[in-house]
Amino acid sequence: MLEWFAALVIVAVSIIVLTGYIFSLFKPAEKLRLSLARGLALGLEFALAGEILRTILIRELEEIFILGAIIIIRASLSVLIHWEISHTVNCLQGECEIHDDDEIKHKK
């Protein structure tokens, strides 16, 4: 049930961000990217909760290993997305500079 809700959240946020991107005439927008990242993070958290609750139904050791691998992958993705969100927020607040060659330099 939580996995369906996670999919619904991800699809809804993706549609909202895609619509915003189209209406902004395909201009790159960090705020849209940030909204998408936050939606993906929320969806992954629901999916991860669903996987953790599924451990109640495990009958064999092989299922535990598969589920453990899925949990590790989803948790890693969640951490990376949260890092991307915090980095983007810092850049939007002026704590880093983006140069013409897409190189990002942090202000000290």
PDB file of N, CA and C in Angstrom:
ATOM      1  N   MET A   1       0.819  -1.190   0.000  1.00  0.00           N
ATOM      2  CA  MET A   1       0.000   0.000   0.000  1.00  0.00           C
ATOM      3  C   MET A   1       0.868   1.260   0.000  1.00  0.00           C
ATOM      4  N   LEU A   2       1.907   1.282   0.837  1.00  0.00           N
ATOM      5  CA  LEU A   2       2.796   2.440   0.875  1.00  0.00           C
ATOM      6  C   LEU A   2       3.562   2.606  -0.435  1.00  0.00           C
ATOM      7  N   GLU A   3       3.873   1.505  -1.095  1.00  0.00           N
ATOM      8  CA  GLU A   3       4.589   1.588  -2.367  1.00  0.00           C
ATOM      9  C   GLU A   3       3.718   2.211  -3.448  1.00  0.00           C
ATOM     10  N   TRP A   4       2.427   1.927  -3.425  1.00  0.00           N
ATOM     11  CA  TRP A   4       1.501   2.566  -4.369  1.00  0.00           C
ATOM     12  C   TRP A   4       1.414   4.060  -4.094  1.00  0.00           C
ATOM     13  N   PHE A   5       1.377   4.416  -2.821  1.00  0.00           N
ATOM     14  CA  PHE A   5       1.332   5.833  -2.461  1.00  0.00           C
ATOM     15  C   PHE A   5       2.627   6.526  -2.882  1.00  0.00           C
ATOM     16  N   ALA A   6       3.757   5.835  -2.727  1.00  0.00           N
ATOM     17  CA  ALA A   6       5.046   6.389  -3.155  1.00  0.00           C
ATOM     18  C   ALA A   6       5.041   6.647  -4.659  1.00  0.00           C
ATOM     19  N   ALA A   7       4.539   5.686  -5.418  1.00  0.00           N
ATOM     20  CA  ALA A   7       4.459   5.858  -6.871  1.00  0.00           C
ATOM     21  C   ALA A   7       3.540   7.016  -7.234  1.00  0.00           C
ATOM     22  N   LEU A   8       2.424   7.136  -6.533  1.00  0.00           N
ATOM     23  CA  LEU A   8       1.485   8.230  -6.784  1.00  0.00           C
ATOM     24  C   LEU A   8       2.137   9.584  -6.506  1.00  0.00           C
ATOM     25  N   VAL A   9       2.869   9.685  -5.409  1.00  0.00           N
ATOM     26  CA  VAL A   9       3.563  10.938  -5.064  1.00  0.00           C
ATOM     27  C   VAL A   9       4.586  11.288  -6.144  1.00  0.00           C
ATOM     28  N   ILE A  10       5.376  10.324  -6.568  1.00  0.00           N
ATOM     29  CA  ILE A  10       6.413  10.578  -7.573  1.00  0.00           C
ATOM     30  C   ILE A  10       5.798  10.990  -8.905  1.00  0.00           C
ATOM     31  N   VAL A  11       4.745  10.304  -9.326  1.00  0.00           N
ATOM     32  CA  VAL A  11       4.089  10.652 -10.590  1.00  0.00           C
ATOM     33  C   VAL A  11       3.458  12.038 -10.509  1.00  0.00           C
ATOM     34  N   ALA A  12       2.766  12.333  -9.412  1.00  0.00           N
ATOM     35  CA  ALA A  12       2.110  13.638  -9.267  1.00  0.00           C
ATOM     36  C   ALA A  12       3.128  14.776  -9.279  1.00  0.00           C
ATOM     37  N   VAL A  13       4.197  14.624  -8.526  1.00  0.00           N
ATOM     38  CA  VAL A  13       5.227  15.669  -8.485  1.00  0.00           C
ATOM     39  C   VAL A  13       5.889  15.817  -9.853  1.00  0.00           C
ATOM     40  N   SER A  14       6.133  14.710 -10.528  1.00  0.00           N
ATOM     41  CA  SER A  14       6.750  14.770 -11.856  1.00  0.00           C
ATOM     42  C   SER A  14       5.864  15.518 -12.843  1.00  0.00           C
ATOM     43  N   ILE A  15       4.571  15.264 -12.801  1.00  0.00           N
ATOM     44  CA  ILE A  15       3.635  15.960 -13.692  1.00  0.00           C
ATOM     45  C   ILE A  15       3.605  17.452 -13.377  1.00  0.00           C
ATOM     46  N   ILE A  16       3.564  17.792 -12.101  1.00  0.00           N
ATOM     47  CA  ILE A  16       3.540  19.209 -11.702  1.00  0.00           C
ATOM     48  C   ILE A  16       4.810  19.920 -12.162  1.00  0.00           C
ATOM     49  N   VAL A  17       5.963  19.298 -11.948  1.00  0.00           N
ATOM     50  CA  VAL A  17       7.233  19.921 -12.336  1.00  0.00           C
ATOM     51  C   VAL A  17       7.347  20.003 -13.857  1.00  0.00           C
ATOM     52  N   LEU A  18       6.938  18.961 -14.569  1.00  0.00           N
ATOM     53  CA  LEU A  18       6.987  18.982 -16.029  1.00  0.00           C
ATOM     54  C   LEU A  18       6.091  20.080 -16.584  1.00  0.00           C
ATOM     55  N   THR A  19       4.912  20.240 -16.009  1.00  0.00           N
ATOM     56  CA  THR A  19       4.000  21.306 -16.429  1.00  0.00           C
ATOM     57  C   THR A  19       4.633  22.677 -16.184  1.00  0.00           C
ATOM     58  N   GLY A  20       5.233  22.861 -15.023  1.00  0.00           N
ATOM     59  CA  GLY A  20       5.916  24.118 -14.726  1.00  0.00           C
ATOM     60  C   GLY A  20       7.065  24.382 -15.679  1.00  0.00           C
ATOM     61  N   TYR A  21       7.781  23.325 -16.044  1.00  0.00           N
ATOM     62  CA  TYR A  21       8.905  23.458 -16.971  1.00  0.00           C
ATOM     63  C   TYR A  21       8.415  23.860 -18.358  1.00  0.00           C
ATOM     64  N   ILE A  22       7.321  23.254 -18.798  1.00  0.00           N
ATOM     65  CA  ILE A  22       6.756  23.587 -20.107  1.00  0.00           C
ATOM     66  C   ILE A  22       6.271  25.034 -20.125  1.00  0.00           C
ATOM     67  N   PHE A  23       5.583  25.454 -19.070  1.00  0.00           N
ATOM     68  CA  PHE A  23       5.074  26.822 -19.026  1.00  0.00           C
ATOM     69  C   PHE A  23       6.176  27.860 -18.841  1.00  0.00           C
ATOM     70  N   SER A  24       7.344  27.451 -18.384  1.00  0.00           N
ATOM     71  CA  SER A  24       8.461  28.397 -18.282  1.00  0.00           C
ATOM     72  C   SER A  24       9.259  28.437 -19.588  1.00  0.00           C
ATOM     73  N   LEU A  25       8.685  27.825 -20.626  1.00  0.00           N
ATOM     74  CA  LEU A  25       9.279  27.808 -21.969  1.00  0.00           C
ATOM     75  C   LEU A  25      10.659  27.165 -21.991  1.00  0.00           C
ATOM     76  N   PHE A  26      10.762  26.042 -21.282  1.00  0.00           N
ATOM     77  CA  PHE A  26      11.950  25.199 -21.270  1.00  0.00           C
ATOM     78  C   PHE A  26      13.198  25.905 -20.747  1.00  0.00           C
ATOM     79  N   LYS A  27      13.024  26.921 -19.946  1.00  0.00           N
ATOM     80  CA  LYS A  27      14.167  27.588 -19.324  1.00  0.00           C
ATOM     81  C   LYS A  27      14.586  26.788 -18.097  1.00  0.00           C
ATOM     82  N   PRO A  28      15.873  26.620 -17.880  1.00  0.00           N
ATOM     83  CA  PRO A  28      16.294  25.889 -16.678  1.00  0.00           C
ATOM     84  C   PRO A  28      15.881  26.647 -15.422  1.00  0.00           C
ATOM     85  N   ALA A  29      15.311  25.932 -14.507  1.00  0.00           N
ATOM     86  CA  ALA A  29      14.847  26.566 -13.272  1.00  0.00           C
ATOM     87  C   ALA A  29      15.263  25.699 -12.090  1.00  0.00           C
ATOM     88  N   GLU A  30      16.117  26.230 -11.253  1.00  0.00           N
ATOM     89  CA  GLU A  30      16.597  25.488 -10.088  1.00  0.00           C
ATOM     90  C   GLU A  30      15.465  25.182  -9.114  1.00  0.00           C
ATOM     91  N   LYS A  31      14.486  26.072  -9.024  1.00  0.00           N
ATOM     92  CA  LYS A  31      13.386  25.838  -8.089  1.00  0.00           C
ATOM     93  C   LYS A  31      12.544  24.644  -8.527  1.00  0.00           C
ATOM     94  N   LEU A  32      12.354  24.473  -9.846  1.00  0.00           N
ATOM     95  CA  LEU A  32      11.626  23.302 -10.333  1.00  0.00           C
ATOM     96  C   LEU A  32      12.420  22.029 -10.048  1.00  0.00           C
ATOM     97  N   ARG A  33      13.715  22.097 -10.263  1.00  0.00           N
ATOM     98  CA  ARG A  33      14.576  20.941  -9.981  1.00  0.00           C
ATOM     99  C   ARG A  33      14.543  20.586  -8.499  1.00  0.00           C
ATOM    100  N   LEU A  34      14.522  21.601  -7.661  1.00  0.00           N
ATOM    101  CA  LEU A  34      14.450  21.398  -6.220  1.00  0.00           C
ATOM    102  C   LEU A  34      13.115  20.770  -5.830  1.00  0.00           C
ATOM    103  N   SER A  35      12.028  21.226  -6.450  1.00  0.00           N
ATOM    104  CA  SER A  35      10.707  20.647  -6.175  1.00  0.00           C
ATOM    105  C   SER A  35      10.659  19.180  -6.578  1.00  0.00           C
ATOM    106  N   LEU A  36      11.243  18.865  -7.728  1.00  0.00           N
ATOM    107  CA  LEU A  36      11.281  17.476  -8.175  1.00  0.00           C
ATOM    108  C   LEU A  36      12.091  16.618  -7.211  1.00  0.00           C
ATOM    109  N   ALA A  37      13.231  17.116  -6.775  1.00  0.00           N
ATOM    110  CA  ALA A  37      14.074  16.362  -5.839  1.00  0.00           C
ATOM    111  C   ALA A  37      13.345  16.115  -4.524  1.00  0.00           C
ATOM    112  N   ARG A  38      12.648  17.127  -4.028  1.00  0.00           N
ATOM    113  CA  ARG A  38      11.899  16.946  -2.775  1.00  0.00           C
ATOM    114  C   ARG A  38      10.775  15.927  -2.948  1.00  0.00           C
ATOM    115  N   GLY A  39      10.089  15.961  -4.085  1.00  0.00           N
ATOM    116  CA  GLY A  39       9.030  14.983  -4.347  1.00  0.00           C
ATOM    117  C   GLY A  39       9.572  13.571  -4.459  1.00  0.00           C
ATOM    118  N   LEU A  40      10.712  13.430  -5.142  1.00  0.00           N
ATOM    119  CA  LEU A  40      11.340  12.111  -5.244  1.00  0.00           C
ATOM    120  C   LEU A  40      11.778  11.599  -3.879  1.00  0.00           C
ATOM    121  N   ALA A  41      12.322  12.485  -3.065  1.00  0.00           N
ATOM    122  CA  ALA A  41      12.750  12.081  -1.720  1.00  0.00           C
ATOM    123  C   ALA A  41      11.560  11.616  -0.895  1.00  0.00           C
ATOM    124  N   LEU A  42      10.455  12.339  -0.977  1.00  0.00           N
ATOM    125  CA  LEU A  42       9.257  11.946  -0.235  1.00  0.00           C
ATOM    126  C   LEU A  42       8.737  10.598  -0.722  1.00  0.00           C
ATOM    127  N   GLY A  43       8.688  10.420  -2.037  1.00  0.00           N
ATOM    128  CA  GLY A  43       8.243   9.146  -2.590  1.00  0.00           C
ATOM    129  C   GLY A  43       9.139   7.993  -2.178  1.00  0.00           C
ATOM    130  N   LEU A  44      10.456   8.214  -2.197  1.00  0.00           N
ATOM    131  CA  LEU A  44      11.387   7.167  -1.779  1.00  0.00           C
ATOM    132  C   LEU A  44      11.239   6.824  -0.306  1.00  0.00           C
ATOM    133  N   GLU A  45      10.919   7.809   0.512  1.00  0.00           N
ATOM    134  CA  GLU A  45      10.724   7.530   1.939  1.00  0.00           C
ATOM    135  C   GLU A  45       9.497   6.646   2.161  1.00  0.00           C
ATOM    136  N   PHE A  46       8.425   6.886   1.412  1.00  0.00           N
ATOM    137  CA  PHE A  46       7.253   6.014   1.514  1.00  0.00           C
ATOM    138  C   PHE A  46       7.574   4.610   1.007  1.00  0.00           C
ATOM    139  N   ALA A  47       8.327   4.523  -0.096  1.00  0.00           N
ATOM    140  CA  ALA A  47       8.703   3.213  -0.630  1.00  0.00           C
ATOM    141  C   ALA A  47       9.587   2.459   0.357  1.00  0.00           C
ATOM    142  N   LEU A  48      10.502   3.160   0.986  1.00  0.00           N
ATOM    143  CA  LEU A  48      11.383   2.540   1.978  1.00  0.00           C
ATOM    144  C   LEU A  48      10.581   2.043   3.179  1.00  0.00           C
ATOM    145  N   ALA A  49       9.606   2.832   3.606  1.00  0.00           N
ATOM    146  CA  ALA A  49       8.745   2.400   4.718  1.00  0.00           C
ATOM    147  C   ALA A  49       7.972   1.140   4.338  1.00  0.00           C
ATOM    148  N   GLY A  50       7.503   1.077   3.097  1.00  0.00           N
ATOM    149  CA  GLY A  50       6.806  -0.122   2.627  1.00  0.00           C
ATOM    150  C   GLY A  50       7.704  -1.345   2.637  1.00  0.00           C
ATOM    151  N   GLU A  51       8.957  -1.170   2.222  1.00  0.00           N
ATOM    152  CA  GLU A  51       9.908  -2.283   2.229  1.00  0.00           C
ATOM    153  C   GLU A  51      10.196  -2.752   3.652  1.00  0.00           C
ATOM    154  N   ILE A  52      10.334  -1.819   4.565  1.00  0.00           N
ATOM    155  CA  ILE A  52      10.601  -2.191   5.958  1.00  0.00           C
ATOM    156  C   ILE A  52       9.420  -2.956   6.539  1.00  0.00           C
ATOM    157  N   LEU A  53       8.215  -2.500   6.243  1.00  0.00           N
ATOM    158  CA  LEU A  53       7.034  -3.213   6.740  1.00  0.00           C
ATOM    159  C   LEU A  53       6.883  -4.588   6.098  1.00  0.00           C
ATOM    160  N   ARG A  54       7.416  -4.756   4.885  1.00  0.00           N
ATOM    161  CA  ARG A  54       7.313  -6.047   4.215  1.00  0.00           C
ATOM    162  C   ARG A  54       8.155  -7.112   4.917  1.00  0.00           C
ATOM    163  N   THR A  55       9.106  -6.703   5.753  1.00  0.00           N
ATOM    164  CA  THR A  55       9.932  -7.679   6.467  1.00  0.00           C
ATOM    165  C   THR A  55       9.088  -8.570   7.373  1.00  0.00           C
ATOM    166  N   ILE A  56       7.902  -8.114   7.724  1.00  0.00           N
ATOM    167  CA  ILE A  56       7.009  -8.917   8.566  1.00  0.00           C
ATOM    168  C   ILE A  56       6.596 -10.198   7.850  1.00  0.00           C
ATOM    169  N   LEU A  57       6.494 -10.143   6.521  1.00  0.00           N
ATOM    170  CA  LEU A  57       5.992 -11.270   5.743  1.00  0.00           C
ATOM    171  C   LEU A  57       7.083 -12.210   5.231  1.00  0.00           C
ATOM    172  N   ILE A  58       8.318 -11.970   5.561  1.00  0.00           N
ATOM    173  CA  ILE A  58       9.429 -12.769   5.030  1.00  0.00           C
ATOM    174  C   ILE A  58       9.428 -14.166   5.644  1.00  0.00           C
ATOM    175  N   ARG A  59       9.591 -15.158   4.757  1.00  0.00           N
ATOM    176  CA  ARG A  59       9.579 -16.546   5.202  1.00  0.00           C
ATOM    177  C   ARG A  59      10.946 -17.234   5.027  1.00  0.00           C
ATOM    178  N   GLU A  60      11.767 -16.751   4.076  1.00  0.00           N
ATOM    179  CA  GLU A  60      13.035 -17.410   3.780  1.00  0.00           C
ATOM    180  C   GLU A  60      14.201 -16.432   3.897  1.00  0.00           C
ATOM    181  N   LEU A  61      15.385 -16.978   4.112  1.00  0.00           N
ATOM    182  CA  LEU A  61      16.590 -16.170   4.264  1.00  0.00           C
ATOM    183  C   LEU A  61      16.933 -15.421   2.971  1.00  0.00           C
ATOM    184  N   GLU A  62      16.696 -16.050   1.823  1.00  0.00           N
ATOM    185  CA  GLU A  62      16.977 -15.408   0.535  1.00  0.00           C
ATOM    186  C   GLU A  62      16.150 -14.128   0.370  1.00  0.00           C
ATOM    187  N   GLU A  63      14.912 -14.147   0.834  1.00  0.00           N
ATOM    188  CA  GLU A  63      14.058 -12.958   0.760  1.00  0.00           C
ATOM    189  C   GLU A  63      14.615 -11.825   1.621  1.00  0.00           C
ATOM    190  N   ILE A  64      15.217 -12.174   2.747  1.00  0.00           N
ATOM    191  CA  ILE A  64      15.816 -11.153   3.616  1.00  0.00           C
ATOM    192  C   ILE A  64      16.978 -10.466   2.897  1.00  0.00           C
ATOM    193  N   PHE A  65      17.823 -11.246   2.202  1.00  0.00           N
ATOM    194  CA  PHE A  65      18.948 -10.654   1.476  1.00  0.00           C
ATOM    195  C   PHE A  65      18.466  -9.738   0.353  1.00  0.00           C
ATOM    196  N   ILE A  66      17.465 -10.181  -0.388  1.00  0.00           N
ATOM    197  CA  ILE A  66      16.918  -9.362  -1.475  1.00  0.00           C
ATOM    198  C   ILE A  66      16.319  -8.082  -0.917  1.00  0.00           C
ATOM    199  N   LEU A  67      15.541  -8.213   0.130  1.00  0.00           N
ATOM    200  CA  LEU A  67      14.921  -7.044   0.744  1.00  0.00           C
ATOM    201  C   LEU A  67      15.974  -6.107   1.325  1.00  0.00           C
ATOM    202  N   GLY A  68      17.009  -6.668   1.933  1.00  0.00           N
ATOM    203  CA  GLY A  68      18.095  -5.844   2.464  1.00  0.00           C
ATOM    204  C   GLY A  68      18.790  -5.051   1.367  1.00  0.00           C
ATOM    205  N   ALA A  69      19.018  -5.688   0.220  1.00  0.00           N
ATOM    206  CA  ALA A  69      19.644  -4.990  -0.908  1.00  0.00           C
ATOM    207  C   ALA A  69      18.752  -3.859  -1.414  1.00  0.00           C
ATOM    208  N   ILE A  70      17.457  -4.120  -1.501  1.00  0.00           N
ATOM    209  CA  ILE A  70      16.514  -3.086  -1.940  1.00  0.00           C
ATOM    210  C   ILE A  70      16.510  -1.918  -0.966  1.00  0.00           C
ATOM    211  N   ILE A  71      16.506  -2.217   0.319  1.00  0.00           N
ATOM    212  CA  ILE A  71      16.504  -1.159   1.336  1.00  0.00           C
ATOM    213  C   ILE A  71      17.788  -0.334   1.250  1.00  0.00           C
ATOM    214  N   ILE A  72      18.926  -0.991   1.063  1.00  0.00           N
ATOM    215  CA  ILE A  72      20.201  -0.263   0.953  1.00  0.00           C
ATOM    216  C   ILE A  72      20.205   0.649  -0.271  1.00  0.00           C
ATOM    217  N   ILE A  73      19.718   0.145  -1.400  1.00  0.00           N
ATOM    218  CA  ILE A  73      19.678   0.957  -2.622  1.00  0.00           C
ATOM    219  C   ILE A  73      18.760   2.158  -2.446  1.00  0.00           C
ATOM    220  N   ARG A  74      17.571   1.930  -1.908  1.00  0.00           N
ATOM    221  CA  ARG A  74      16.622   3.039  -1.733  1.00  0.00           C
ATOM    222  C   ARG A  74      17.115   4.042  -0.699  1.00  0.00           C
ATOM    223  N   ALA A  75      17.731   3.566   0.358  1.00  0.00           N
ATOM    224  CA  ALA A  75      18.270   4.488   1.363  1.00  0.00           C
ATOM    225  C   ALA A  75      19.416   5.309   0.774  1.00  0.00           C
ATOM    226  N   SER A  76      20.264   4.676  -0.034  1.00  0.00           N
ATOM    227  CA  SER A  76      21.358   5.405  -0.685  1.00  0.00           C
ATOM    228  C   SER A  76      20.820   6.481  -1.620  1.00  0.00           C
ATOM    229  N   LEU A  77      19.814   6.141  -2.405  1.00  0.00           N
ATOM    230  CA  LEU A  77      19.194   7.134  -3.287  1.00  0.00           C
ATOM    231  C   LEU A  77      18.604   8.284  -2.493  1.00  0.00           C
ATOM    232  N   SER A  78      17.970   7.959  -1.393  1.00  0.00           N
ATOM    233  CA  SER A  78      17.374   8.998  -0.555  1.00  0.00           C
ATOM    234  C   SER A  78      18.439   9.939   0.001  1.00  0.00           C
ATOM    235  N   VAL A  79      19.557   9.383   0.463  1.00  0.00           N
ATOM    236  CA  VAL A  79      20.649  10.212   0.986  1.00  0.00           C
ATOM    237  C   VAL A  79      21.211  11.107  -0.118  1.00  0.00           C
ATOM    238  N   LEU A  80      21.415  10.554  -1.311  1.00  0.00           N
ATOM    239  CA  LEU A  80      21.939  11.351  -2.420  1.00  0.00           C
ATOM    240  C   LEU A  80      20.985  12.471  -2.814  1.00  0.00           C
ATOM    241  N   ILE A  81      19.698  12.187  -2.826  1.00  0.00           N
ATOM    242  CA  ILE A  81      18.719  13.218  -3.177  1.00  0.00           C
ATOM    243  C   ILE A  81      18.688  14.302  -2.113  1.00  0.00           C
ATOM    244  N   HIS A  82      18.751  13.925  -0.845  1.00  0.00           N
ATOM    245  CA  HIS A  82      18.778  14.932   0.220  1.00  0.00           C
ATOM    246  C   HIS A  82      20.045  15.786   0.136  1.00  0.00           C
ATOM    247  N   TRP A  83      21.176  15.180  -0.227  1.00  0.00           N
ATOM    248  CA  TRP A  83      22.404  15.948  -0.407  1.00  0.00           C
ATOM    249  C   TRP A  83      22.235  16.937  -1.557  1.00  0.00           C
ATOM    250  N   GLU A  84      21.646  16.486  -2.657  1.00  0.00           N
ATOM    251  CA  GLU A  84      21.408  17.363  -3.805  1.00  0.00           C
ATOM    252  C   GLU A  84      20.488  18.524  -3.434  1.00  0.00           C
ATOM    253  N   ILE A  85      19.468  18.239  -2.639  1.00  0.00           N
ATOM    254  CA  ILE A  85      18.553  19.294  -2.193  1.00  0.00           C
ATOM    255  C   ILE A  85      19.302  20.333  -1.370  1.00  0.00           C
ATOM    256  N   SER A  86      20.090  19.883  -0.397  1.00  0.00           N
ATOM    257  CA  SER A  86      20.800  20.845   0.454  1.00  0.00           C
ATOM    258  C   SER A  86      21.826  21.642  -0.349  1.00  0.00           C
ATOM    259  N   HIS A  87      22.478  21.008  -1.301  1.00  0.00           N
ATOM    260  CA  HIS A  87      23.439  21.703  -2.146  1.00  0.00           C
ATOM    261  C   HIS A  87      22.736  22.753  -3.011  1.00  0.00           C
ATOM    262  N   THR A  88      21.597  22.406  -3.588  1.00  0.00           N
ATOM    263  CA  THR A  88      20.846  23.348  -4.418  1.00  0.00           C
ATOM    264  C   THR A  88      20.333  24.513  -3.594  1.00  0.00           C
ATOM    265  N   VAL A  89      19.848  24.234  -2.389  1.00  0.00           N
ATOM    266  CA  VAL A  89      19.375  25.309  -1.513  1.00  0.00           C
ATOM    267  C   VAL A  89      20.524  26.257  -1.180  1.00  0.00           C
ATOM    268  N   ASN A  90      21.703  25.720  -0.892  1.00  0.00           N
ATOM    269  CA  ASN A  90      22.867  26.563  -0.612  1.00  0.00           C
ATOM    270  C   ASN A  90      23.218  27.443  -1.807  1.00  0.00           C
ATOM    271  N   CYS A  91      23.139  26.879  -3.009  1.00  0.00           N
ATOM    272  CA  CYS A  91      23.435  27.666  -4.206  1.00  0.00           C
ATOM    273  C   CYS A  91      22.381  28.746  -4.424  1.00  0.00           C
ATOM    274  N   LEU A  92      21.123  28.427  -4.173  1.00  0.00           N
ATOM    275  CA  LEU A  92      20.063  29.421  -4.331  1.00  0.00           C
ATOM    276  C   LEU A  92      20.198  30.543  -3.311  1.00  0.00           C
ATOM    277  N   GLN A  93      20.786  30.246  -2.164  1.00  0.00           N
ATOM    278  CA  GLN A  93      20.983  31.264  -1.133  1.00  0.00           C
ATOM    279  C   GLN A  93      22.268  32.056  -1.359  1.00  0.00           C
ATOM    280  N   GLY A  94      22.965  31.759  -2.447  1.00  0.00           N
ATOM    281  CA  GLY A  94      24.156  32.520  -2.799  1.00  0.00           C
ATOM    282  C   GLY A  94      25.434  32.048  -2.156  1.00  0.00           C
ATOM    283  N   GLU A  95      25.461  30.825  -1.665  1.00  0.00           N
ATOM    284  CA  GLU A  95      26.666  30.316  -1.013  1.00  0.00           C
ATOM    285  C   GLU A  95      27.623  29.639  -1.984  1.00  0.00           C
ATOM    286  N   CYS A  96      27.281  29.608  -3.274  1.00  0.00           N
ATOM    287  CA  CYS A  96      28.194  29.077  -4.272  1.00  0.00           C
ATOM    288  C   CYS A  96      27.995  29.848  -5.575  1.00  0.00           C
ATOM    289  N   GLU A  97      28.978  29.740  -6.445  1.00  0.00           N
ATOM    290  CA  GLU A  97      28.928  30.426  -7.730  1.00  0.00           C
ATOM    291  C   GLU A  97      28.949  29.391  -8.839  1.00  0.00           C
ATOM    292  N   ILE A  98      28.125  29.597  -9.869  1.00  0.00           N
ATOM    293  CA  ILE A  98      28.123  28.713 -11.027  1.00  0.00           C
ATOM    294  C   ILE A  98      28.727  29.496 -12.189  1.00  0.00           C
ATOM    295  N   HIS A  99      29.794  28.962 -12.780  1.00  0.00           N
ATOM    296  CA  HIS A  99      30.496  29.641 -13.864  1.00  0.00           C
ATOM    297  C   HIS A  99      29.977  29.153 -15.210  1.00  0.00           C
ATOM    298  N   ASP A 100      30.436  29.769 -16.287  1.00  0.00           N
ATOM    299  CA  ASP A 100      29.965  29.446 -17.632  1.00  0.00           C
ATOM    300  C   ASP A 100      30.200  27.991 -18.014  1.00  0.00           C
ATOM    301  N   ASP A 101      31.244  27.394 -17.513  1.00  0.00           N
ATOM    302  CA  ASP A 101      31.545  26.004 -17.849  1.00  0.00           C
ATOM    303  C   ASP A 101      30.865  25.023 -16.893  1.00  0.00           C
ATOM    304  N   ASP A 102      29.799  25.469 -16.220  1.00  0.00           N
ATOM    305  CA  ASP A 102      29.008  24.668 -15.276  1.00  0.00           C
ATOM    306  C   ASP A 102      29.809  24.206 -14.065  1.00  0.00           C
ATOM    307  N   GLU A 103      30.939  24.831 -13.811  1.00  0.00           N
ATOM    308  CA  GLU A 103      31.729  24.502 -12.633  1.00  0.00           C
ATOM    309  C   GLU A 103      31.170  25.270 -11.441  1.00  0.00           C
ATOM    310  N   ILE A 104      30.966  24.574 -10.344  1.00  0.00           N
ATOM    311  CA  ILE A 104      30.409  25.186  -9.139  1.00  0.00           C
ATOM    312  C   ILE A 104      31.538  25.390  -8.141  1.00  0.00           C
ATOM    313  N   LYS A 105      31.683  26.619  -7.686  1.00  0.00           N
ATOM    314  CA  LYS A 105      32.707  26.929  -6.685  1.00  0.00           C
ATOM    315  C   LYS A 105      32.020  27.484  -5.457  1.00  0.00           C
ATOM    316  N   HIS A 106      32.352  26.922  -4.310  1.00  0.00           N
ATOM    317  CA  HIS A 106      31.758  27.369  -3.051  1.00  0.00           C
ATOM    318  C   HIS A 106      32.485  28.597  -2.536  1.00  0.00           C
ATOM    319  N   LYS A 107      31.697  29.540  -2.039  1.00  0.00           N
ATOM    320  CA  LYS A 107      32.278  30.733  -1.425  1.00  0.00           C
ATOM    321  C   LYS A 107      32.752  30.373  -0.033  1.00  0.00           C
ATOM    322  N   LYS A 108      33.821  30.995   0.406  1.00  0.00           N
ATOM    323  CA  LYS A 108      34.344  30.686   1.736  1.00  0.00           C
ATOM    324  C   LYS A 108      34.170  31.848   2.647  1.00  0.00           C
TER     325      LYS A 108
END
